[in-house]
Amino acid sequence: MSEIRVVIPAHLKTLAHVSGEVRLEVEDPVTTERVLDALEARHPVLVGTIRHPETKLRRPFVRFFACEEDLSHDPTDRPLPEAVARGREPFFVVGAIAGG
């Protein structure tokens, strides 16, 4: 079990009534899927905001970052970087902006 640091967008912090980073206990190996499962279990109000509640696919305009890498298109069952898995670096959920 690892303590993971997660940074979510401001509007999701408001919805979940949290401030700052969210700290979650996640089973090893730490993956995007397990982090999001733990986040939604801890804050059920977030179910459906980051990924589709049935398919578990990432919502449009939501991106995942860790250790300065865009992990948005990586398989969600791939282990996250060691620095994230050990709590040294946060996992970021970011709202993307489109337009010109």
PDB file of N, CA and C in Angstrom:
ATOM      1  N   MET A   1       0.858  -1.177   0.000  1.00  0.00           N
ATOM      2  CA  MET A   1       0.000   0.000   0.000  1.00  0.00           C
ATOM      3  C   MET A   1       0.896   1.229   0.000  1.00  0.00           C
ATOM      4  N   SER A   2       0.558   2.175  -0.860  1.00  0.00           N
ATOM      5  CA  SER A   2       1.340   3.404  -0.978  1.00  0.00           C
ATOM      6  C   SER A   2       0.453   4.619  -0.776  1.00  0.00           C
ATOM      7  N   GLU A   3       1.022   5.666  -0.171  1.00  0.00           N
ATOM      8  CA  GLU A   3       0.304   6.928  -0.066  1.00  0.00           C
ATOM      9  C   GLU A   3       0.645   7.772  -1.285  1.00  0.00           C
ATOM     10  N   ILE A   4      -0.383   8.108  -2.053  1.00  0.00           N
ATOM     11  CA  ILE A   4      -0.235   8.842  -3.296  1.00  0.00           C
ATOM     12  C   ILE A   4      -0.750  10.255  -3.106  1.00  0.00           C
ATOM     13  N   ARG A   5      -0.061  11.199  -3.729  1.00  0.00           N
ATOM     14  CA  ARG A   5      -0.488  12.605  -3.724  1.00  0.00           C
ATOM     15  C   ARG A   5      -1.149  12.895  -5.064  1.00  0.00           C
ATOM     16  N   VAL A   6      -2.367  13.432  -5.016  1.00  0.00           N
ATOM     17  CA  VAL A   6      -3.118  13.727  -6.233  1.00  0.00           C
ATOM     18  C   VAL A   6      -3.523  15.192  -6.228  1.00  0.00           C
ATOM     19  N   VAL A   7      -3.285  15.864  -7.344  1.00  0.00           N
ATOM     20  CA  VAL A   7      -3.705  17.249  -7.529  1.00  0.00           C
ATOM     21  C   VAL A   7      -4.838  17.234  -8.541  1.00  0.00           C
ATOM     22  N   ILE A   8      -5.985  17.803  -8.147  1.00  0.00           N
ATOM     23  CA  ILE A   8      -7.142  17.861  -9.030  1.00  0.00           C
ATOM     24  C   ILE A   8      -7.480  19.321  -9.320  1.00  0.00           C
ATOM     25  N   PRO A   9      -8.209  19.578 -10.414  1.00  0.00           N
ATOM     26  CA  PRO A   9      -8.556  20.958 -10.755  1.00  0.00           C
ATOM     27  C   PRO A   9      -9.397  21.631  -9.666  1.00  0.00           C
ATOM     28  N   ALA A  10      -9.337  22.947  -9.635  1.00  0.00           N
ATOM     29  CA  ALA A  10     -10.028  23.738  -8.603  1.00  0.00           C
ATOM     30  C   ALA A  10     -11.521  23.442  -8.533  1.00  0.00           C
ATOM     31  N   HIS A  11     -12.181  23.311  -9.684  1.00  0.00           N
ATOM     32  CA  HIS A  11     -13.630  23.070  -9.643  1.00  0.00           C
ATOM     33  C   HIS A  11     -13.958  21.698  -9.061  1.00  0.00           C
ATOM     34  N   LEU A  12     -13.072  20.710  -9.238  1.00  0.00           N
ATOM     35  CA  LEU A  12     -13.306  19.400  -8.623  1.00  0.00           C
ATOM     36  C   LEU A  12     -12.982  19.430  -7.129  1.00  0.00           C
ATOM     37  N   LYS A  13     -12.012  20.258  -6.727  1.00  0.00           N
ATOM     38  CA  LYS A  13     -11.751  20.441  -5.298  1.00  0.00           C
ATOM     39  C   LYS A  13     -12.986  21.020  -4.611  1.00  0.00           C
ATOM     40  N   THR A  14     -13.592  22.007  -5.252  1.00  0.00           N
ATOM     41  CA  THR A  14     -14.804  22.614  -4.701  1.00  0.00           C
ATOM     42  C   THR A  14     -15.913  21.576  -4.578  1.00  0.00           C
ATOM     43  N   LEU A  15     -16.112  20.802  -5.623  1.00  0.00           N
ATOM     44  CA  LEU A  15     -17.151  19.769  -5.634  1.00  0.00           C
ATOM     45  C   LEU A  15     -16.919  18.733  -4.534  1.00  0.00           C
ATOM     46  N   ALA A  16     -15.666  18.343  -4.339  1.00  0.00           N
ATOM     47  CA  ALA A  16     -15.318  17.322  -3.347  1.00  0.00           C
ATOM     48  C   ALA A  16     -15.068  17.891  -1.952  1.00  0.00           C
ATOM     49  N   HIS A  17     -15.116  19.211  -1.818  1.00  0.00           N
ATOM     50  CA  HIS A  17     -14.868  19.880  -0.535  1.00  0.00           C
ATOM     51  C   HIS A  17     -13.482  19.559   0.014  1.00  0.00           C
ATOM     52  N   VAL A  18     -12.474  19.706  -0.847  1.00  0.00           N
ATOM     53  CA  VAL A  18     -11.083  19.501  -0.429  1.00  0.00           C
ATOM     54  C   VAL A  18     -10.271  20.731  -0.807  1.00  0.00           C
ATOM     55  N   SER A  19      -9.136  20.872  -0.169  1.00  0.00           N
ATOM     56  CA  SER A  19      -8.202  21.927  -0.540  1.00  0.00           C
ATOM     57  C   SER A  19      -6.819  21.293  -0.614  1.00  0.00           C
ATOM     58  N   GLY A  20      -5.988  21.850  -1.444  1.00  0.00           N
ATOM     59  CA  GLY A  20      -4.642  21.304  -1.596  1.00  0.00           C
ATOM     60  C   GLY A  20      -4.654  19.940  -2.262  1.00  0.00           C
ATOM     61  N   GLU A  21      -3.596  19.191  -2.015  1.00  0.00           N
ATOM     62  CA  GLU A  21      -3.484  17.850  -2.582  1.00  0.00           C
ATOM     63  C   GLU A  21      -4.399  16.875  -1.850  1.00  0.00           C
ATOM     64  N   VAL A  22      -4.842  15.873  -2.579  1.00  0.00           N
ATOM     65  CA  VAL A  22      -5.597  14.771  -1.983  1.00  0.00           C
ATOM     66  C   VAL A  22      -4.598  13.643  -1.760  1.00  0.00           C
ATOM     67  N   ARG A  23      -4.586  13.084  -0.570  1.00  0.00           N
ATOM     68  CA  ARG A  23      -3.684  11.965  -0.269  1.00  0.00           C
ATOM     69  C   ARG A  23      -4.522  10.703  -0.166  1.00  0.00           C
ATOM     70  N   LEU A  24      -4.087   9.677  -0.899  1.00  0.00           N
ATOM     71  CA  LEU A  24      -4.845   8.437  -0.990  1.00  0.00           C
ATOM     72  C   LEU A  24      -3.949   7.233  -0.736  1.00  0.00           C
ATOM     73  N   GLU A  25      -4.494   6.213  -0.114  1.00  0.00           N
ATOM     74  CA  GLU A  25      -3.809   4.930   0.013  1.00  0.00           C
ATOM     75  C   GLU A  25      -4.190   4.096  -1.197  1.00  0.00           C
ATOM     76  N   VAL A  26      -3.189   3.631  -1.935  1.00  0.00           N
ATOM     77  CA  VAL A  26      -3.411   2.887  -3.167  1.00  0.00           C
ATOM     78  C   VAL A  26      -2.599   1.601  -3.119  1.00  0.00           C
ATOM     79  N   GLU A  27      -3.235   0.498  -3.531  1.00  0.00           N
ATOM     80  CA  GLU A  27      -2.560  -0.800  -3.595  1.00  0.00           C
ATOM     81  C   GLU A  27      -1.464  -0.779  -4.658  1.00  0.00           C
ATOM     82  N   ASP A  28      -0.386  -1.493  -4.388  1.00  0.00           N
ATOM     83  CA  ASP A  28       0.683  -1.669  -5.376  1.00  0.00           C
ATOM     84  C   ASP A  28       0.279  -2.767  -6.357  1.00  0.00           C
ATOM     85  N   PRO A  29       0.657  -2.698  -7.601  1.00  0.00           N
ATOM     86  CA  PRO A  29       1.360  -1.601  -8.228  1.00  0.00           C
ATOM     87  C   PRO A  29       0.439  -0.404  -8.428  1.00  0.00           C
ATOM     88  N   VAL A  30       0.970   0.778  -8.226  1.00  0.00           N
ATOM     89  CA  VAL A  30       0.195   2.016  -8.354  1.00  0.00           C
ATOM     90  C   VAL A  30       0.014   2.321  -9.839  1.00  0.00           C
ATOM     91  N   THR A  31      -1.249   2.394 -10.264  1.00  0.00           N
ATOM     92  CA  THR A  31      -1.588   2.681 -11.654  1.00  0.00           C
ATOM     93  C   THR A  31      -2.585   3.838 -11.685  1.00  0.00           C
ATOM     94  N   THR A  32      -2.764   4.421 -12.849  1.00  0.00           N
ATOM     95  CA  THR A  32      -3.766   5.477 -12.994  1.00  0.00           C
ATOM     96  C   THR A  32      -5.133   4.953 -12.588  1.00  0.00           C
ATOM     97  N   GLU A  33      -5.473   3.768 -13.040  1.00  0.00           N
ATOM     98  CA  GLU A  33      -6.771   3.173 -12.717  1.00  0.00           C
ATOM     99  C   GLU A  33      -6.975   3.049 -11.209  1.00  0.00           C
ATOM    100  N   ARG A  34      -5.975   2.562 -10.499  1.00  0.00           N
ATOM    101  CA  ARG A  34      -6.100   2.397  -9.045  1.00  0.00           C
ATOM    102  C   ARG A  34      -6.166   3.737  -8.326  1.00  0.00           C
ATOM    103  N   VAL A  35      -5.417   4.724  -8.809  1.00  0.00           N
ATOM    104  CA  VAL A  35      -5.479   6.058  -8.215  1.00  0.00           C
ATOM    105  C   VAL A  35      -6.884   6.636  -8.381  1.00  0.00           C
ATOM    106  N   LEU A  36      -7.439   6.538  -9.583  1.00  0.00           N
ATOM    107  CA  LEU A  36      -8.778   7.082  -9.827  1.00  0.00           C
ATOM    108  C   LEU A  36      -9.838   6.294  -9.071  1.00  0.00           C
ATOM    109  N   ASP A  37      -9.679   4.983  -8.965  1.00  0.00           N
ATOM    110  CA  ASP A  37     -10.614   4.182  -8.158  1.00  0.00           C
ATOM    111  C   ASP A  37     -10.609   4.658  -6.705  1.00  0.00           C
ATOM    112  N   ALA A  38      -9.416   4.880  -6.155  1.00  0.00           N
ATOM    113  CA  ALA A  38      -9.301   5.337  -4.766  1.00  0.00           C
ATOM    114  C   ALA A  38      -9.869   6.738  -4.599  1.00  0.00           C
ATOM    115  N   LEU A  39      -9.613   7.611  -5.574  1.00  0.00           N
ATOM    116  CA  LEU A  39     -10.134   8.977  -5.515  1.00  0.00           C
ATOM    117  C   LEU A  39     -11.658   8.971  -5.524  1.00  0.00           C
ATOM    118  N   GLU A  40     -12.254   8.186  -6.419  1.00  0.00           N
ATOM    119  CA  GLU A  40     -13.720   8.122  -6.493  1.00  0.00           C
ATOM    120  C   GLU A  40     -14.335   7.427  -5.282  1.00  0.00           C
ATOM    121  N   ALA A  41     -13.632   6.458  -4.707  1.00  0.00           N
ATOM    122  CA  ALA A  41     -14.131   5.798  -3.495  1.00  0.00           C
ATOM    123  C   ALA A  41     -14.136   6.771  -2.320  1.00  0.00           C
ATOM    124  N   ARG A  42     -13.103   7.591  -2.213  1.00  0.00           N
ATOM    125  CA  ARG A  42     -12.981   8.558  -1.128  1.00  0.00           C
ATOM    126  C   ARG A  42     -13.930   9.731  -1.322  1.00  0.00           C
ATOM    127  N   HIS A  43     -14.142  10.129  -2.600  1.00  0.00           N
ATOM    128  CA  HIS A  43     -14.993  11.277  -2.933  1.00  0.00           C
ATOM    129  C   HIS A  43     -15.994  10.859  -4.023  1.00  0.00           C
ATOM    130  N   PRO A  44     -17.055  10.140  -3.626  1.00  0.00           N
ATOM    131  CA  PRO A  44     -18.017   9.623  -4.615  1.00  0.00           C
ATOM    132  C   PRO A  44     -18.638  10.691  -5.501  1.00  0.00           C
ATOM    133  N   VAL A  45     -18.655  11.924  -5.057  1.00  0.00           N
ATOM    134  CA  VAL A  45     -19.200  13.017  -5.864  1.00  0.00           C
ATOM    135  C   VAL A  45     -18.398  13.207  -7.152  1.00  0.00           C
ATOM    136  N   LEU A  46     -17.174  12.702  -7.194  1.00  0.00           N
ATOM    137  CA  LEU A  46     -16.337  12.843  -8.378  1.00  0.00           C
ATOM    138  C   LEU A  46     -16.576  11.747  -9.426  1.00  0.00           C
ATOM    139  N   VAL A  47     -17.361  10.733  -9.086  1.00  0.00           N
ATOM    140  CA  VAL A  47     -17.660   9.673 -10.055  1.00  0.00           C
ATOM    141  C   VAL A  47     -18.317  10.294 -11.286  1.00  0.00           C
ATOM    142  N   GLY A  48     -17.743  10.022 -12.434  1.00  0.00           N
ATOM    143  CA  GLY A  48     -18.261  10.543 -13.685  1.00  0.00           C
ATOM    144  C   GLY A  48     -17.674  11.874 -14.114  1.00  0.00           C
ATOM    145  N   THR A  49     -16.894  12.503 -13.278  1.00  0.00           N
ATOM    146  CA  THR A  49     -16.324  13.805 -13.632  1.00  0.00           C
ATOM    147  C   THR A  49     -14.986  13.682 -14.358  1.00  0.00           C
ATOM    148  N   ILE A  50     -14.210  12.660 -14.036  1.00  0.00           N
ATOM    149  CA  ILE A  50     -12.883  12.473 -14.608  1.00  0.00           C
ATOM    150  C   ILE A  50     -12.913  11.400 -15.695  1.00  0.00           C
ATOM    151  N   ARG A  51     -13.709  10.387 -15.467  1.00  0.00           N
ATOM    152  CA  ARG A  51     -13.860   9.309 -16.441  1.00  0.00           C
ATOM    153  C   ARG A  51     -15.313   8.853 -16.458  1.00  0.00           C
ATOM    154  N   HIS A  52     -15.693   8.242 -17.550  1.00  0.00           N
ATOM    155  CA  HIS A  52     -17.073   7.776 -17.701  1.00  0.00           C
ATOM    156  C   HIS A  52     -17.351   6.723 -16.624  1.00  0.00           C
ATOM    157  N   PRO A  53     -18.492   6.812 -15.924  1.00  0.00           N
ATOM    158  CA  PRO A  53     -18.733   5.906 -14.799  1.00  0.00           C
ATOM    159  C   PRO A  53     -18.876   4.431 -15.190  1.00  0.00           C
ATOM    160  N   GLU A  54     -19.289   4.141 -16.412  1.00  0.00           N
ATOM    161  CA  GLU A  54     -19.457   2.741 -16.811  1.00  0.00           C
ATOM    162  C   GLU A  54     -18.250   2.202 -17.566  1.00  0.00           C
ATOM    163  N   THR A  55     -17.759   2.966 -18.539  1.00  0.00           N
ATOM    164  CA  THR A  55     -16.638   2.477 -19.357  1.00  0.00           C
ATOM    165  C   THR A  55     -15.288   2.728 -18.712  1.00  0.00           C
ATOM    166  N   LYS A  56     -15.233   3.650 -17.766  1.00  0.00           N
ATOM    167  CA  LYS A  56     -13.994   4.061 -17.084  1.00  0.00           C
ATOM    168  C   LYS A  56     -13.008   4.752 -18.023  1.00  0.00           C
ATOM    169  N   LEU A  57     -13.482   5.197 -19.193  1.00  0.00           N
ATOM    170  CA  LEU A  57     -12.628   5.927 -20.119  1.00  0.00           C
ATOM    171  C   LEU A  57     -12.503   7.379 -19.691  1.00  0.00           C
ATOM    172  N   ARG A  58     -11.322   7.940 -19.888  1.00  0.00           N
ATOM    173  CA  ARG A  58     -11.047   9.333 -19.552  1.00  0.00           C
ATOM    174  C   ARG A  58     -12.011  10.244 -20.297  1.00  0.00           C
ATOM    175  N   ARG A  59     -12.528  11.240 -19.590  1.00  0.00           N
ATOM    176  CA  ARG A  59     -13.426  12.222 -20.207  1.00  0.00           C
ATOM    177  C   ARG A  59     -12.637  13.108 -21.172  1.00  0.00           C
ATOM    178  N   PRO A  60     -13.325  13.603 -22.209  1.00  0.00           N
ATOM    179  CA  PRO A  60     -12.657  14.567 -23.085  1.00  0.00           C
ATOM    180  C   PRO A  60     -12.203  15.786 -22.279  1.00  0.00           C
ATOM    181  N   PHE A  61     -11.109  16.354 -22.655  1.00  0.00           N
ATOM    182  CA  PHE A  61     -10.556  17.552 -22.025  1.00  0.00           C
ATOM    183  C   PHE A  61     -10.042  17.319 -20.607  1.00  0.00           C
ATOM    184  N   VAL A  62      -9.812  16.063 -20.237  1.00  0.00           N
ATOM    185  CA  VAL A  62      -9.158  15.735 -18.975  1.00  0.00           C
ATOM    186  C   VAL A  62      -7.836  15.065 -19.335  1.00  0.00           C
ATOM    187  N   ARG A  63      -6.776  15.506 -18.679  1.00  0.00           N
ATOM    188  CA  ARG A  63      -5.441  14.962 -18.934  1.00  0.00           C
ATOM    189  C   ARG A  63      -4.824  14.493 -17.621  1.00  0.00           C
ATOM    190  N   PHE A  64      -3.901  13.531 -17.716  1.00  0.00           N
ATOM    191  CA  PHE A  64      -3.178  13.010 -16.563  1.00  0.00           C
ATOM    192  C   PHE A  64      -1.690  13.268 -16.766  1.00  0.00           C
ATOM    193  N   PHE A  65      -1.038  13.775 -15.725  1.00  0.00           N
ATOM    194  CA  PHE A  65       0.392  14.054 -15.781  1.00  0.00           C
ATOM    195  C   PHE A  65       1.071  13.522 -14.522  1.00  0.00           C
ATOM    196  N   ALA A  66       2.318  13.113 -14.691  1.00  0.00           N
ATOM    197  CA  ALA A  66       3.161  12.726 -13.559  1.00  0.00           C
ATOM    198  C   ALA A  66       4.607  12.887 -13.986  1.00  0.00           C
ATOM    199  N   CYS A  67       5.420  13.432 -13.118  1.00  0.00           N
ATOM    200  CA  CYS A  67       6.850  13.603 -13.387  1.00  0.00           C
ATOM    201  C   CYS A  67       7.082  14.297 -14.725  1.00  0.00           C
ATOM    202  N   GLU A  68       6.293  15.336 -14.979  1.00  0.00           N
ATOM    203  CA  GLU A  68       6.395  16.157 -16.188  1.00  0.00           C
ATOM    204  C   GLU A  68       6.116  15.378 -17.478  1.00  0.00           C
ATOM    205  N   GLU A  69       5.403  14.263 -17.374  1.00  0.00           N
ATOM    206  CA  GLU A  69       5.033  13.462 -18.531  1.00  0.00           C
ATOM    207  C   GLU A  69       3.515  13.427 -18.672  1.00  0.00           C
ATOM    208  N   ASP A  70       3.039  13.514 -19.910  1.00  0.00           N
ATOM    209  CA  ASP A  70       1.622  13.378 -20.200  1.00  0.00           C
ATOM    210  C   ASP A  70       1.306  11.885 -20.283  1.00  0.00           C
ATOM    211  N   LEU A  71       0.511  11.404 -19.359  1.00  0.00           N
ATOM    212  CA  LEU A  71       0.153   9.984 -19.302  1.00  0.00           C
ATOM    213  C   LEU A  71      -1.269   9.738 -19.795  1.00  0.00           C
ATOM    214  N   SER A  72      -1.870  10.750 -20.381  1.00  0.00           N
ATOM    215  CA  SER A  72      -3.285  10.695 -20.754  1.00  0.00           C
ATOM    216  C   SER A  72      -3.630   9.550 -21.691  1.00  0.00           C
ATOM    217  N   HIS A  73      -2.729   9.197 -22.579  1.00  0.00           N
ATOM    218  CA  HIS A  73      -3.020   8.153 -23.561  1.00  0.00           C
ATOM    219  C   HIS A  73      -2.362   6.813 -23.219  1.00  0.00           C
ATOM    220  N   ASP A  74      -1.690   6.749 -22.080  1.00  0.00           N
ATOM    221  CA  ASP A  74      -1.087   5.491 -21.641  1.00  0.00           C
ATOM    222  C   ASP A  74      -2.175   4.555 -21.126  1.00  0.00           C
ATOM    223  N   PRO A  75      -1.946   3.245 -21.200  1.00  0.00           N
ATOM    224  CA  PRO A  75      -2.907   2.310 -20.594  1.00  0.00           C
ATOM    225  C   PRO A  75      -3.052   2.607 -19.103  1.00  0.00           C
ATOM    226  N   THR A  76      -4.272   2.599 -18.606  1.00  0.00           N
ATOM    227  CA  THR A  76      -4.502   2.965 -17.199  1.00  0.00           C
ATOM    228  C   THR A  76      -4.043   1.900 -16.225  1.00  0.00           C
ATOM    229  N   ASP A  77      -3.692   0.711 -16.724  1.00  0.00           N
ATOM    230  CA  ASP A  77      -3.185  -0.336 -15.841  1.00  0.00           C
ATOM    231  C   ASP A  77      -1.654  -0.389 -15.833  1.00  0.00           C
ATOM    232  N   ARG A  78      -1.004   0.553 -16.509  1.00  0.00           N
ATOM    233  CA  ARG A  78       0.462   0.640 -16.506  1.00  0.00           C
ATOM    234  C   ARG A  78       0.925   1.269 -15.191  1.00  0.00           C
ATOM    235  N   PRO A  79       1.922   0.690 -14.533  1.00  0.00           N
ATOM    236  CA  PRO A  79       2.418   1.297 -13.284  1.00  0.00           C
ATOM    237  C   PRO A  79       2.894   2.730 -13.508  1.00  0.00           C
ATOM    238  N   LEU A  80       2.570   3.587 -12.550  1.00  0.00           N
ATOM    239  CA  LEU A  80       3.001   4.980 -12.595  1.00  0.00           C
ATOM    240  C   LEU A  80       4.473   5.073 -12.208  1.00  0.00           C
ATOM    241  N   PRO A  81       5.133   6.191 -12.538  1.00  0.00           N
ATOM    242  CA  PRO A  81       6.550   6.345 -12.178  1.00  0.00           C
ATOM    243  C   PRO A  81       6.778   6.121 -10.680  1.00  0.00           C
ATOM    244  N   GLU A  82       7.938   5.592 -10.363  1.00  0.00           N
ATOM    245  CA  GLU A  82       8.296   5.265  -8.974  1.00  0.00           C
ATOM    246  C   GLU A  82       8.140   6.471  -8.038  1.00  0.00           C
ATOM    247  N   ALA A  83       8.503   7.662  -8.505  1.00  0.00           N
ATOM    248  CA  ALA A  83       8.397   8.855  -7.666  1.00  0.00           C
ATOM    249  C   ALA A  83       6.948   9.129  -7.264  1.00  0.00           C
ATOM    250  N   VAL A  84       6.003   8.831  -8.127  1.00  0.00           N
ATOM    251  CA  VAL A  84       4.574   8.987  -7.802  1.00  0.00           C
ATOM    252  C   VAL A  84       4.150   7.866  -6.863  1.00  0.00           C
ATOM    253  N   ALA A  85       4.554   6.652  -7.179  1.00  0.00           N
ATOM    254  CA  ALA A  85       4.167   5.487  -6.377  1.00  0.00           C
ATOM    255  C   ALA A  85       4.674   5.571  -4.941  1.00  0.00           C
ATOM    256  N   ARG A  86       5.751   6.301  -4.725  1.00  0.00           N
ATOM    257  CA  ARG A  86       6.305   6.441  -3.372  1.00  0.00           C
ATOM    258  C   ARG A  86       5.935   7.775  -2.724  1.00  0.00           C
ATOM    259  N   GLY A  87       5.108   8.573  -3.395  1.00  0.00           N
ATOM    260  CA  GLY A  87       4.621   9.819  -2.820  1.00  0.00           C
ATOM    261  C   GLY A  87       5.576  10.988  -2.895  1.00  0.00           C
ATOM    262  N   ARG A  88       6.670  10.845  -3.638  1.00  0.00           N
ATOM    263  CA  ARG A  88       7.616  11.956  -3.755  1.00  0.00           C
ATOM    264  C   ARG A  88       7.139  13.004  -4.760  1.00  0.00           C
ATOM    265  N   GLU A  89       6.382  12.572  -5.761  1.00  0.00           N
ATOM    266  CA  GLU A  89       5.824  13.459  -6.781  1.00  0.00           C
ATOM    267  C   GLU A  89       4.320  13.230  -6.859  1.00  0.00           C
ATOM    268  N   PRO A  90       3.533  14.278  -7.161  1.00  0.00           N
ATOM    269  CA  PRO A  90       2.089  14.099  -7.260  1.00  0.00           C
ATOM    270  C   PRO A  90       1.657  13.582  -8.634  1.00  0.00           C
ATOM    271  N   PHE A  91       0.471  13.029  -8.659  1.00  0.00           N
ATOM    272  CA  PHE A  91      -0.235  12.656  -9.886  1.00  0.00           C
ATOM    273  C   PHE A  91      -1.214  13.793 -10.147  1.00  0.00           C
ATOM    274  N   PHE A  92      -1.189  14.356 -11.355  1.00  0.00           N
ATOM    275  CA  PHE A  92      -2.032  15.506 -11.690  1.00  0.00           C
ATOM    276  C   PHE A  92      -3.185  15.106 -12.590  1.00  0.00           C
ATOM    277  N   VAL A  93      -4.379  15.549 -12.238  1.00  0.00           N
ATOM    278  CA  VAL A  93      -5.557  15.487 -13.104  1.00  0.00           C
ATOM    279  C   VAL A  93      -5.782  16.921 -13.533  1.00  0.00           C
ATOM    280  N   VAL A  94      -5.711  17.164 -14.844  1.00  0.00           N
ATOM    281  CA  VAL A  94      -5.752  18.530 -15.357  1.00  0.00           C
ATOM    282  C   VAL A  94      -6.885  18.679 -16.356  1.00  0.00           C
ATOM    283  N   GLY A  95      -7.623  19.762 -16.235  1.00  0.00           N
ATOM    284  CA  GLY A  95      -8.641  20.092 -17.231  1.00  0.00           C
ATOM    285  C   GLY A  95      -7.985  20.785 -18.407  1.00  0.00           C
ATOM    286  N   ALA A  96      -8.114  20.213 -19.594  1.00  0.00           N
ATOM    287  CA  ALA A  96      -7.522  20.799 -20.798  1.00  0.00           C
ATOM    288  C   ALA A  96      -8.442  21.892 -21.341  1.00  0.00           C
ATOM    289  N   ILE A  97      -7.862  22.813 -22.088  1.00  0.00           N
ATOM    290  CA  ILE A  97      -8.612  23.925 -22.678  1.00  0.00           C
ATOM    291  C   ILE A  97      -8.498  23.808 -24.189  1.00  0.00           C
ATOM    292  N   ALA A  98      -9.625  23.977 -24.855  1.00  0.00           N
ATOM    293  CA  ALA A  98      -9.619  23.928 -26.321  1.00  0.00           C
ATOM    294  C   ALA A  98     -10.073  25.290 -26.862  1.00  0.00           C
ATOM    295  N   GLY A  99      -9.742  25.529 -28.081  1.00  0.00           N
ATOM    296  CA  GLY A  99     -10.171  26.771 -28.697  1.00  0.00           C
ATOM    297  C   GLY A  99      -9.008  27.455 -29.377  1.00  0.00           C
ATOM    298  N   GLY A 100      -9.292  28.606 -29.915  1.00  0.00           N
ATOM    299  CA  GLY A 100      -8.226  29.274 -30.641  1.00  0.00           C
ATOM    300  C   GLY A 100      -8.131  30.726 -30.339  1.00  0.00           C
TER     301      GLY A 100
END
